[in-house]
PDB file of all heavy atoms in Angstrom:
ATOM      1  N   ILE A   1      20.984  -2.472  -1.398  1.00  0.00           N
ATOM      2  CA  ILE A   1      19.695  -2.538  -0.694  1.00  0.00           C
ATOM      3  C   ILE A   1      19.650  -3.823   0.133  1.00  0.00           C
ATOM      4  O   ILE A   1      19.913  -4.900  -0.350  1.00  0.00           O
ATOM      5  CB  ILE A   1      18.522  -2.520  -1.727  1.00  0.00           C
ATOM      6  CG1 ILE A   1      18.540  -1.210  -2.490  1.00  0.00           C
ATOM      7  CG2 ILE A   1      17.187  -2.704  -1.038  1.00  0.00           C
ATOM      8  CD1 ILE A   1      17.520  -1.140  -3.577  1.00  0.00           C
ATOM      9  N   HIS A   2      19.293  -3.648   1.381  1.00  0.00           N
ATOM     10  CA  HIS A   2      19.219  -4.785   2.313  1.00  0.00           C
ATOM     11  C   HIS A   2      17.805  -5.300   2.371  1.00  0.00           C
ATOM     12  O   HIS A   2      16.834  -4.569   2.299  1.00  0.00           O
ATOM     13  CB  HIS A   2      19.677  -4.455   3.699  1.00  0.00           C
ATOM     14  CG  HIS A   2      19.937  -5.656   4.578  1.00  0.00           C
ATOM     15  ND1 HIS A   2      18.943  -6.174   5.424  1.00  0.00           N
ATOM     16  CD2 HIS A   2      21.043  -6.418   4.702  1.00  0.00           C
ATOM     17  CE1 HIS A   2      19.477  -7.229   6.002  1.00  0.00           C
ATOM     18  NE2 HIS A   2      20.721  -7.424   5.604  1.00  0.00           N
ATOM     19  N   ARG A   3      17.712  -6.651   2.495  1.00  0.00           N
ATOM     20  CA  ARG A   3      16.403  -7.283   2.429  1.00  0.00           C
ATOM     21  C   ARG A   3      15.465  -6.842   3.561  1.00  0.00           C
ATOM     22  O   ARG A   3      14.236  -6.800   3.390  1.00  0.00           O
ATOM     23  CB  ARG A   3      16.570  -8.816   2.462  1.00  0.00           C
ATOM     24  CG  ARG A   3      15.362  -9.560   2.065  1.00  0.00           C
ATOM     25  CD  ARG A   3      15.684 -10.974   1.645  1.00  0.00           C
ATOM     26  NE  ARG A   3      14.555 -11.557   0.961  1.00  0.00           N
ATOM     27  CZ  ARG A   3      14.673 -12.713   0.257  1.00  0.00           C
ATOM     28  NH1 ARG A   3      15.842 -13.313   0.185  1.00  0.00           N
ATOM     29  NH2 ARG A   3      13.588 -13.260  -0.327  1.00  0.00           N
ATOM     30  N   SER A   4      16.044  -6.490   4.715  1.00  0.00           N
ATOM     31  CA  SER A   4      15.184  -6.069   5.833  1.00  0.00           C
ATOM     32  C   SER A   4      14.378  -4.832   5.479  1.00  0.00           C
ATOM     33  O   SER A   4      13.197  -4.732   5.791  1.00  0.00           O
ATOM     34  CB  SER A   4      16.037  -5.822   7.079  1.00  0.00           C
ATOM     35  OG  SER A   4      17.013  -4.787   6.809  1.00  0.00           O
ATOM     36  N   ALA A   5      15.037  -3.857   4.827  1.00  0.00           N
ATOM     37  CA  ALA A   5      14.328  -2.634   4.416  1.00  0.00           C
ATOM     38  C   ALA A   5      13.436  -2.927   3.210  1.00  0.00           C
ATOM     39  O   ALA A   5      12.332  -2.398   3.172  1.00  0.00           O
ATOM     40  CB  ALA A   5      15.335  -1.539   4.094  1.00  0.00           C
ATOM     41  N   GLU A   6      13.881  -3.751   2.321  1.00  0.00           N
ATOM     42  CA  GLU A   6      13.099  -4.010   1.103  1.00  0.00           C
ATOM     43  C   GLU A   6      11.776  -4.706   1.467  1.00  0.00           C
ATOM     44  O   GLU A   6      10.761  -4.345   0.895  1.00  0.00           O
ATOM     45  CB  GLU A   6      13.937  -4.904   0.208  1.00  0.00           C
ATOM     46  CG  GLU A   6      13.335  -5.180  -1.188  1.00  0.00           C
ATOM     47  CD  GLU A   6      14.315  -5.889  -2.068  1.00  0.00           C
ATOM     48  OE1 GLU A   6      14.678  -7.007  -1.701  1.00  0.00           O
ATOM     49  OE2 GLU A   6      14.710  -5.317  -3.106  1.00  0.00           O
ATOM     50  N   ASP A   7      11.807  -5.633   2.404  1.00  0.00           N
ATOM     51  CA  ASP A   7      10.571  -6.290   2.737  1.00  0.00           C
ATOM     52  C   ASP A   7       9.567  -5.337   3.400  1.00  0.00           C
ATOM     53  O   ASP A   7       8.377  -5.472   3.085  1.00  0.00           O
ATOM     54  CB  ASP A   7      10.898  -7.460   3.778  1.00  0.00           C
ATOM     55  CG  ASP A   7      11.544  -8.663   3.101  1.00  0.00           C
ATOM     56  OD1 ASP A   7      11.526  -8.724   1.855  1.00  0.00           O
ATOM     57  OD2 ASP A   7      12.086  -9.508   3.809  1.00  0.00           O
ATOM     58  N   MET A   8      10.032  -4.406   4.165  1.00  0.00           N
ATOM     59  CA  MET A   8       9.142  -3.471   4.816  1.00  0.00           C
ATOM     60  C   MET A   8       8.566  -2.467   3.750  1.00  0.00           C
ATOM     61  O   MET A   8       7.450  -2.072   3.870  1.00  0.00           O
ATOM     62  CB  MET A   8       9.853  -2.767   5.945  1.00  0.00           C
ATOM     63  CG  MET A   8      10.148  -3.578   7.139  1.00  0.00           C
ATOM     64  SD  MET A   8       8.645  -4.270   7.911  1.00  0.00           S
ATOM     65  CE  MET A   8       8.630  -5.947   7.288  1.00  0.00           C
ATOM     66  N   VAL A   9       9.356  -2.090   2.817  1.00  0.00           N
ATOM     67  CA  VAL A   9       8.885  -1.235   1.739  1.00  0.00           C
ATOM     68  C   VAL A   9       7.731  -1.913   0.989  1.00  0.00           C
ATOM     69  O   VAL A   9       6.722  -1.315   0.658  1.00  0.00           O
ATOM     70  CB  VAL A   9       9.988  -0.771   0.799  1.00  0.00           C
ATOM     71  CG1 VAL A   9       9.436  -0.075  -0.449  1.00  0.00           C
ATOM     72  CG2 VAL A   9      10.952   0.157   1.563  1.00  0.00           C
ATOM     73  N   LYS A  10       7.945  -3.215   0.701  1.00  0.00           N
ATOM     74  CA  LYS A  10       6.902  -3.965   0.056  1.00  0.00           C
ATOM     75  C   LYS A  10       5.596  -3.992   0.894  1.00  0.00           C
ATOM     76  O   LYS A  10       4.498  -3.739   0.397  1.00  0.00           O
ATOM     77  CB  LYS A  10       7.358  -5.427  -0.193  1.00  0.00           C
ATOM     78  CG  LYS A  10       8.470  -5.634  -1.168  1.00  0.00           C
ATOM     79  CD  LYS A  10       8.838  -7.103  -1.191  1.00  0.00           C
ATOM     80  CE  LYS A  10       9.973  -7.372  -2.165  1.00  0.00           C
ATOM     81  NZ  LYS A  10      10.336  -8.823  -2.204  1.00  0.00           N
ATOM     82  N   LEU A  11       5.748  -4.287   2.157  1.00  0.00           N
ATOM     83  CA  LEU A  11       4.619  -4.431   3.039  1.00  0.00           C
ATOM     84  C   LEU A  11       3.794  -3.139   3.165  1.00  0.00           C
ATOM     85  O   LEU A  11       2.544  -3.114   2.990  1.00  0.00           O
ATOM     86  CB  LEU A  11       5.102  -4.903   4.403  1.00  0.00           C
ATOM     87  CG  LEU A  11       3.968  -5.367   5.386  1.00  0.00           C
ATOM     88  CD1 LEU A  11       3.246  -6.571   4.874  1.00  0.00           C
ATOM     89  CD2 LEU A  11       4.673  -5.733   6.724  1.00  0.00           C
ATOM     90  N   TYR A  12       4.515  -2.091   3.488  1.00  0.00           N
ATOM     91  CA  TYR A  12       3.810  -0.807   3.697  1.00  0.00           C
ATOM     92  C   TYR A  12       3.318  -0.268   2.326  1.00  0.00           C
ATOM     93  O   TYR A  12       2.199   0.318   2.328  1.00  0.00           O
ATOM     94  CB  TYR A  12       4.775   0.194   4.337  1.00  0.00           C
ATOM     95  CG  TYR A  12       4.963   0.040   5.833  1.00  0.00           C
ATOM     96  CD1 TYR A  12       5.983  -0.793   6.324  1.00  0.00           C
ATOM     97  CD2 TYR A  12       4.119   0.646   6.707  1.00  0.00           C
ATOM     98  CE1 TYR A  12       6.149  -0.945   7.678  1.00  0.00           C
ATOM     99  CE2 TYR A  12       4.272   0.495   8.111  1.00  0.00           C
ATOM    100  CZ  TYR A  12       5.300  -0.316   8.549  1.00  0.00           C
ATOM    101  OH  TYR A  12       5.463  -0.460   9.920  1.00  0.00           O
ATOM    102  N   GLY A  13       4.059  -0.416   1.275  1.00  0.00           N
ATOM    103  CA  GLY A  13       3.648   0.100   0.006  1.00  0.00           C
ATOM    104  C   GLY A  13       2.396  -0.587  -0.533  1.00  0.00           C
ATOM    105  O   GLY A  13       1.471   0.061  -1.039  1.00  0.00           O
ATOM    106  N   LEU A  14       2.341  -1.919  -0.412  1.00  0.00           N
ATOM    107  CA  LEU A  14       1.120  -2.624  -0.895  1.00  0.00           C
ATOM    108  C   LEU A  14      -0.087  -2.282  -0.058  1.00  0.00           C
ATOM    109  O   LEU A  14      -1.204  -2.182  -0.600  1.00  0.00           O
ATOM    110  CB  LEU A  14       1.395  -4.196  -0.852  1.00  0.00           C
ATOM    111  CG  LEU A  14       2.321  -4.726  -1.922  1.00  0.00           C
ATOM    112  CD1 LEU A  14       2.557  -6.181  -1.712  1.00  0.00           C
ATOM    113  CD2 LEU A  14       1.720  -4.472  -3.300  1.00  0.00           C
ATOM    114  N   THR A  15       0.079  -2.102   1.230  1.00  0.00           N
ATOM    115  CA  THR A  15      -1.041  -1.766   2.108  1.00  0.00           C
ATOM    116  C   THR A  15      -1.513  -0.329   1.729  1.00  0.00           C
ATOM    117  O   THR A  15      -2.728  -0.046   1.755  1.00  0.00           O
ATOM    118  CB  THR A  15      -0.614  -1.809   3.565  1.00  0.00           C
ATOM    119  OG1 THR A  15      -0.058  -3.093   3.861  1.00  0.00           O
ATOM    120  CG2 THR A  15      -1.831  -1.544   4.491  1.00  0.00           C
ATOM    121  N   ALA A  16      -0.605   0.560   1.408  1.00  0.00           N
ATOM    122  CA  ALA A  16      -0.999   1.885   0.959  1.00  0.00           C
ATOM    123  C   ALA A  16      -1.850   1.803  -0.264  1.00  0.00           C
ATOM    124  O   ALA A  16      -2.886   2.510  -0.392  1.00  0.00           O
ATOM    125  CB  ALA A  16       0.230   2.740   0.684  1.00  0.00           C
ATOM    126  N   ILE A  17      -1.474   0.968  -1.242  1.00  0.00           N
ATOM    127  CA  ILE A  17      -2.268   0.850  -2.458  1.00  0.00           C
ATOM    128  C   ILE A  17      -3.662   0.272  -2.146  1.00  0.00           C
ATOM    129  O   ILE A  17      -4.656   0.658  -2.783  1.00  0.00           O
ATOM    130  CB  ILE A  17      -1.502  -0.026  -3.478  1.00  0.00           C
ATOM    131  CG1 ILE A  17      -0.219   0.721  -3.919  1.00  0.00           C
ATOM    132  CG2 ILE A  17      -2.412  -0.375  -4.661  1.00  0.00           C
ATOM    133  CD1 ILE A  17       0.632  -0.078  -4.864  1.00  0.00           C
ATOM    134  N   LEU A  18      -3.711  -0.625  -1.212  1.00  0.00           N
ATOM    135  CA  LEU A  18      -5.017  -1.201  -0.782  1.00  0.00           C
ATOM    136  C   LEU A  18      -5.909  -0.073  -0.223  1.00  0.00           C
ATOM    137  O   LEU A  18      -7.097  -0.022  -0.530  1.00  0.00           O
ATOM    138  CB  LEU A  18      -4.826  -2.305   0.265  1.00  0.00           C
ATOM    139  CG  LEU A  18      -6.103  -2.898   0.839  1.00  0.00           C
ATOM    140  CD1 LEU A  18      -6.936  -3.569  -0.214  1.00  0.00           C
ATOM    141  CD2 LEU A  18      -5.736  -3.905   1.931  1.00  0.00           C
ATOM    142  N   ALA A  19      -5.327   0.774   0.637  1.00  0.00           N
ATOM    143  CA  ALA A  19      -6.115   1.924   1.197  1.00  0.00           C
ATOM    144  C   ALA A  19      -6.539   2.887   0.084  1.00  0.00           C
ATOM    145  O   ALA A  19      -7.664   3.383   0.109  1.00  0.00           O
ATOM    146  CB  ALA A  19      -5.269   2.670   2.223  1.00  0.00           C
ATOM    147  N   LEU A  20      -5.695   3.076  -0.907  1.00  0.00           N
ATOM    148  CA  LEU A  20      -6.057   3.879  -2.095  1.00  0.00           C
ATOM    149  C   LEU A  20      -7.245   3.291  -2.788  1.00  0.00           C
ATOM    150  O   LEU A  20      -8.199   4.012  -3.206  1.00  0.00           O
ATOM    151  CB  LEU A  20      -4.883   4.006  -2.999  1.00  0.00           C
ATOM    152  CG  LEU A  20      -5.098   4.730  -4.361  1.00  0.00           C
ATOM    153  CD1 LEU A  20      -5.352   6.207  -4.134  1.00  0.00           C
ATOM    154  CD2 LEU A  20      -3.888   4.552  -5.280  1.00  0.00           C
ATOM    155  N   ALA A  21      -7.271   1.984  -2.931  1.00  0.00           N
ATOM    156  CA  ALA A  21      -8.384   1.303  -3.637  1.00  0.00           C
ATOM    157  C   ALA A  21      -9.666   1.480  -2.854  1.00  0.00           C
ATOM    158  O   ALA A  21     -10.737   1.764  -3.420  1.00  0.00           O
ATOM    159  CB  ALA A  21      -8.046  -0.149  -3.860  1.00  0.00           C
ATOM    160  N   VAL A  22      -9.591   1.311  -1.504  1.00  0.00           N
ATOM    161  CA  VAL A  22     -10.814   1.434  -0.709  1.00  0.00           C
ATOM    162  C   VAL A  22     -11.346   2.842  -0.746  1.00  0.00           C
ATOM    163  O   VAL A  22     -12.522   3.077  -0.949  1.00  0.00           O
ATOM    164  CB  VAL A  22     -10.489   1.024   0.750  1.00  0.00           C
ATOM    165  CG1 VAL A  22     -11.681   1.357   1.662  1.00  0.00           C
ATOM    166  CG2 VAL A  22     -10.133  -0.473   0.863  1.00  0.00           C
ATOM    167  N   GLY A  23     -10.456   3.823  -0.580  1.00  0.00           N
ATOM    168  CA  GLY A  23     -10.883   5.214  -0.635  1.00  0.00           C
ATOM    169  C   GLY A  23     -11.420   5.597  -1.974  1.00  0.00           C
ATOM    170  O   GLY A  23     -12.381   6.391  -2.088  1.00  0.00           O
ATOM    171  N   GLY A  24     -10.868   4.991  -3.042  1.00  0.00           N
ATOM    172  CA  GLY A  24     -11.389   5.272  -4.425  1.00  0.00           C
ATOM    173  C   GLY A  24     -12.799   4.744  -4.632  1.00  0.00           C
ATOM    174  O   GLY A  24     -13.603   5.389  -5.303  1.00  0.00           O
ATOM    175  N   VAL A  25     -13.084   3.576  -4.101  1.00  0.00           N
ATOM    176  CA  VAL A  25     -14.435   2.974  -4.213  1.00  0.00           C
ATOM    177  C   VAL A  25     -15.455   3.914  -3.567  1.00  0.00           C
ATOM    178  O   VAL A  25     -16.500   4.247  -4.130  1.00  0.00           O
ATOM    179  CB  VAL A  25     -14.495   1.600  -3.584  1.00  0.00           C
ATOM    180  CG1 VAL A  25     -15.958   1.156  -3.493  1.00  0.00           C
ATOM    181  CG2 VAL A  25     -13.669   0.634  -4.437  1.00  0.00           C
ATOM    182  N   PHE A  26     -15.137   4.420  -2.411  1.00  0.00           N
ATOM    183  CA  PHE A  26     -16.064   5.309  -1.692  1.00  0.00           C
ATOM    184  C   PHE A  26     -16.137   6.688  -2.337  1.00  0.00           C
ATOM    185  O   PHE A  26     -17.116   7.417  -2.202  1.00  0.00           O
ATOM    186  CB  PHE A  26     -15.716   5.392  -0.196  1.00  0.00           C
ATOM    187  CG  PHE A  26     -16.153   4.203   0.580  1.00  0.00           C
ATOM    188  CD1 PHE A  26     -15.391   3.025   0.628  1.00  0.00           C
ATOM    189  CD2 PHE A  26     -17.364   4.179   1.254  1.00  0.00           C
ATOM    190  CE1 PHE A  26     -15.821   1.913   1.326  1.00  0.00           C
ATOM    191  CE2 PHE A  26     -17.809   3.104   1.966  1.00  0.00           C
ATOM    192  CZ  PHE A  26     -17.024   1.963   1.990  1.00  0.00           C
ATOM    193  N   ALA A  27     -15.069   7.067  -3.077  1.00  0.00           N
ATOM    194  CA  ALA A  27     -15.098   8.344  -3.773  1.00  0.00           C
ATOM    195  C   ALA A  27     -16.170   8.352  -4.842  1.00  0.00           C
ATOM    196  O   ALA A  27     -16.759   9.434  -5.150  1.00  0.00           O
ATOM    197  CB  ALA A  27     -13.714   8.594  -4.418  1.00  0.00           C
ATOM    198  N   VAL A  28     -16.514   7.184  -5.431  1.00  0.00           N
ATOM    199  CA  VAL A  28     -17.577   7.131  -6.449  1.00  0.00           C
ATOM    200  C   VAL A  28     -18.884   7.589  -5.832  1.00  0.00           C
ATOM    201  O   VAL A  28     -19.594   8.471  -6.424  1.00  0.00           O
ATOM    202  CB  VAL A  28     -17.724   5.729  -6.956  1.00  0.00           C
ATOM    203  CG1 VAL A  28     -18.894   5.669  -7.944  1.00  0.00           C
ATOM    204  CG2 VAL A  28     -16.413   5.263  -7.666  1.00  0.00           C
ATOM    205  N   PHE A  29     -19.187   7.117  -4.660  1.00  0.00           N
ATOM    206  CA  PHE A  29     -20.484   7.489  -3.991  1.00  0.00           C
ATOM    207  C   PHE A  29     -20.462   8.923  -3.556  1.00  0.00           C
ATOM    208  O   PHE A  29     -21.480   9.624  -3.654  1.00  0.00           O
ATOM    209  CB  PHE A  29     -20.670   6.538  -2.763  1.00  0.00           C
ATOM    210  CG  PHE A  29     -20.874   5.122  -3.122  1.00  0.00           C
ATOM    211  CD1 PHE A  29     -19.766   4.247  -3.244  1.00  0.00           C
ATOM    212  CD2 PHE A  29     -22.132   4.615  -3.404  1.00  0.00           C
ATOM    213  CE1 PHE A  29     -19.945   2.909  -3.595  1.00  0.00           C
ATOM    214  CE2 PHE A  29     -22.346   3.291  -3.760  1.00  0.00           C
ATOM    215  CZ  PHE A  29     -21.225   2.436  -3.837  1.00  0.00           C
TER     216      PHE A  29
END
C-alpha cells in the first residue's frame, strides 16, 4: 500500500462518516 492512496482513503472515508453523522441527526427529526 502506497501512502498517496492511503492518505486519500483516510480523507474521503472520514468525510463520509461525518456526512453519515449529519444525515443521522436529521433522521431523528
